[in-house]
C-alpha atoms as a PDB file:
ATOM      1  CA  UNK A   1      96.688  98.914 150.020  1.00  0.00           C
ATOM      2  CA  UNK A   2      95.917  97.579 146.549  1.00  0.00           C
ATOM      3  CA  UNK A   3      92.630  95.998 147.664  1.00  0.00           C
ATOM      4  CA  UNK A   4      91.479  99.306 149.156  1.00  0.00           C
ATOM      5  CA  UNK A   5      92.254 101.052 145.875  1.00  0.00           C
ATOM      6  CA  UNK A   6      90.427  98.396 143.838  1.00  0.00           C
ATOM      7  CA  UNK A   7      87.374  98.521 146.110  1.00  0.00           C
ATOM      8  CA  UNK A   8      87.307 102.323 145.949  1.00  0.00           C
ATOM      9  CA  UNK A   9      87.693 102.335 142.184  1.00  0.00           C
ATOM     10  CA  UNK A  10      84.985  99.687 141.828  1.00  0.00           C
ATOM     11  CA  UNK A  11      82.513 101.715 143.859  1.00  0.00           C
ATOM     12  CA  UNK A  12      83.247 104.798 141.747  1.00  0.00           C
ATOM     13  CA  UNK A  13      83.324 103.079 138.352  1.00  0.00           C
ATOM     14  CA  UNK A  14      80.442 100.653 138.917  1.00  0.00           C
ATOM     15  CA  UNK A  15      77.605 103.169 138.482  1.00  0.00           C
ATOM     16  CA  UNK A  16      79.346 104.732 135.454  1.00  0.00           C
ATOM     17  CA  UNK A  17      79.766 101.365 133.742  1.00  0.00           C
ATOM     18  CA  UNK A  18      76.151 100.407 134.457  1.00  0.00           C
ATOM     19  CA  UNK A  19      74.905 103.331 132.388  1.00  0.00           C
ATOM     20  CA  UNK A  20      77.451 102.892 129.604  1.00  0.00           C
ATOM     21  CA  UNK A  21      76.024 102.160 126.151  1.00  0.00           C
ATOM     22  CA  UNK A  22      78.719 100.609 123.919  1.00  0.00           C
ATOM     23  CA  UNK A  23      76.626 101.238 120.790  1.00  0.00           C
ATOM     24  CA  UNK A  24      76.748 104.971 121.477  1.00  0.00           C
ATOM     25  CA  UNK A  25      80.541 104.925 121.618  1.00  0.00           C
ATOM     26  CA  UNK A  26      81.104 102.896 118.457  1.00  0.00           C
ATOM     27  CA  UNK A  27      78.135 102.416 116.135  1.00  0.00           C
ATOM     28  CA  UNK A  28      77.675  98.866 114.865  1.00  0.00           C
ATOM     29  CA  UNK A  29      77.484  99.972 111.216  1.00  0.00           C
ATOM     30  CA  UNK A  30      80.810 101.763 111.496  1.00  0.00           C
ATOM     31  CA  UNK A  31      82.375  98.780 113.233  1.00  0.00           C
ATOM     32  CA  UNK A  32      81.169  96.431 110.487  1.00  0.00           C
ATOM     33  CA  UNK A  33      82.538  98.755 107.824  1.00  0.00           C
ATOM     34  CA  UNK A  34      85.914  98.844 109.581  1.00  0.00           C
ATOM     35  CA  UNK A  35      86.006  95.050 109.829  1.00  0.00           C
ATOM     36  CA  UNK A  36      85.064  94.672 106.168  1.00  0.00           C
ATOM     37  CA  UNK A  37      87.776  97.141 105.173  1.00  0.00           C
ATOM     38  CA  UNK A  38      90.347  95.283 107.291  1.00  0.00           C
ATOM     39  CA  UNK A  39      89.343  91.911 105.829  1.00  0.00           C
ATOM     40  CA  UNK A  40      89.559  93.265 102.282  1.00  0.00           C
ATOM     41  CA  UNK A  41      93.025  94.641 102.960  1.00  0.00           C
ATOM     42  CA  UNK A  42      94.225  91.402 104.533  1.00  0.00           C
ATOM     43  CA  UNK A  43      92.816  89.286 101.689  1.00  0.00           C
ATOM     44  CA  UNK A  44      94.548  91.464  99.117  1.00  0.00           C
ATOM     45  CA  UNK A  45      97.851  90.904 100.920  1.00  0.00           C
ATOM     46  CA  UNK A  46      97.560  87.135 100.521  1.00  0.00           C
ATOM     47  CA  UNK A  47      99.704  85.865  97.705  1.00  0.00           C
ATOM     48  CA  UNK A  48      99.461  82.318  96.344  1.00  0.00           C
ATOM     49  CA  UNK A  49     102.773  81.529  98.040  1.00  0.00           C
ATOM     50  CA  UNK A  50     101.496  82.788 101.400  1.00  0.00           C
ATOM     51  CA  UNK A  51      98.272  80.780 101.082  1.00  0.00           C
ATOM     52  CA  UNK A  52     100.282  77.677 100.223  1.00  0.00           C
ATOM     53  CA  UNK A  53     102.547  78.181 103.248  1.00  0.00           C
ATOM     54  CA  UNK A  54      99.571  78.651 105.576  1.00  0.00           C
ATOM     55  CA  UNK A  55      97.834  75.546 104.262  1.00  0.00           C
ATOM     56  CA  UNK A  56     100.978  73.435 104.458  1.00  0.00           C
ATOM     57  CA  UNK A  57     101.516  74.493 108.063  1.00  0.00           C
ATOM     58  CA  UNK A  58      97.978  73.548 109.104  1.00  0.00           C
ATOM     59  CA  UNK A  59      97.890  70.331 107.077  1.00  0.00           C
ATOM     60  CA  UNK A  60     101.271  69.185 108.362  1.00  0.00           C
ATOM     61  CA  UNK A  61     100.115  69.391 111.984  1.00  0.00           C
ATOM     62  CA  UNK A  62      96.767  67.684 111.388  1.00  0.00           C
ATOM     63  CA  UNK A  63      98.098  65.110 108.958  1.00  0.00           C
ATOM     64  CA  UNK A  64     100.672  64.047 111.517  1.00  0.00           C
ATOM     65  CA  UNK A  65      97.942  63.326 114.055  1.00  0.00           C
ATOM     66  CA  UNK A  66      95.847  61.599 111.409  1.00  0.00           C
ATOM     67  CA  UNK A  67      98.746  59.228 110.703  1.00  0.00           C
ATOM     68  CA  UNK A  68      99.273  58.553 114.417  1.00  0.00           C
ATOM     69  CA  UNK A  69      95.612  57.795 115.121  1.00  0.00           C
ATOM     70  CA  UNK A  70      95.318  55.764 111.907  1.00  0.00           C
ATOM     71  CA  UNK A  71      98.167  53.571 113.111  1.00  0.00           C
ATOM     72  CA  UNK A  72      96.657  53.203 116.581  1.00  0.00           C
ATOM     73  CA  UNK A  73      93.217  52.217 115.293  1.00  0.00           C
ATOM     74  CA  UNK A  74      94.701  49.982 112.590  1.00  0.00           C
ATOM     75  CA  UNK A  75      96.725  48.134 115.206  1.00  0.00           C
ATOM     76  CA  UNK A  76      93.686  47.713 117.439  1.00  0.00           C
ATOM     77  CA  UNK A  77      91.568  46.394 114.578  1.00  0.00           C
ATOM     78  CA  UNK A  78      94.388  44.022 113.610  1.00  0.00           C
ATOM     79  CA  UNK A  79      94.740  42.699 117.150  1.00  0.00           C
ATOM     80  CA  UNK A  80      90.993  42.207 117.578  1.00  0.00           C
ATOM     81  CA  UNK A  81      90.646  40.461 114.213  1.00  0.00           C
ATOM     82  CA  UNK A  82      93.618  38.196 114.993  1.00  0.00           C
ATOM     83  CA  UNK A  83      92.169  37.375 118.416  1.00  0.00           C
ATOM     84  CA  UNK A  84      88.855  36.452 116.782  1.00  0.00           C
ATOM     85  CA  UNK A  85      90.622  34.132 114.344  1.00  0.00           C
ATOM     86  CA  UNK A  86      90.461  36.168 111.160  1.00  0.00           C
ATOM     87  CA  UNK A  87      93.550  35.883 108.942  1.00  0.00           C
END
């Protein structure tokens, strides 16, 4: 039942979508202006405390992985150097 509906809708909507011009619905200049306005508003909402919290959140995640991989590679280098006879 659902497949019949989807097939019927596709055959009706297909030709309409083929002739659709997205630029005619929403002009690019207007869209860019809206995005710029939104970005300006969002940037004005950022306080130093909020920026600090965002940075700490991102750094904490990435710094944790940096420490893990640093330990892994340090251990590998230590094992290889010990195996080769370096002190």
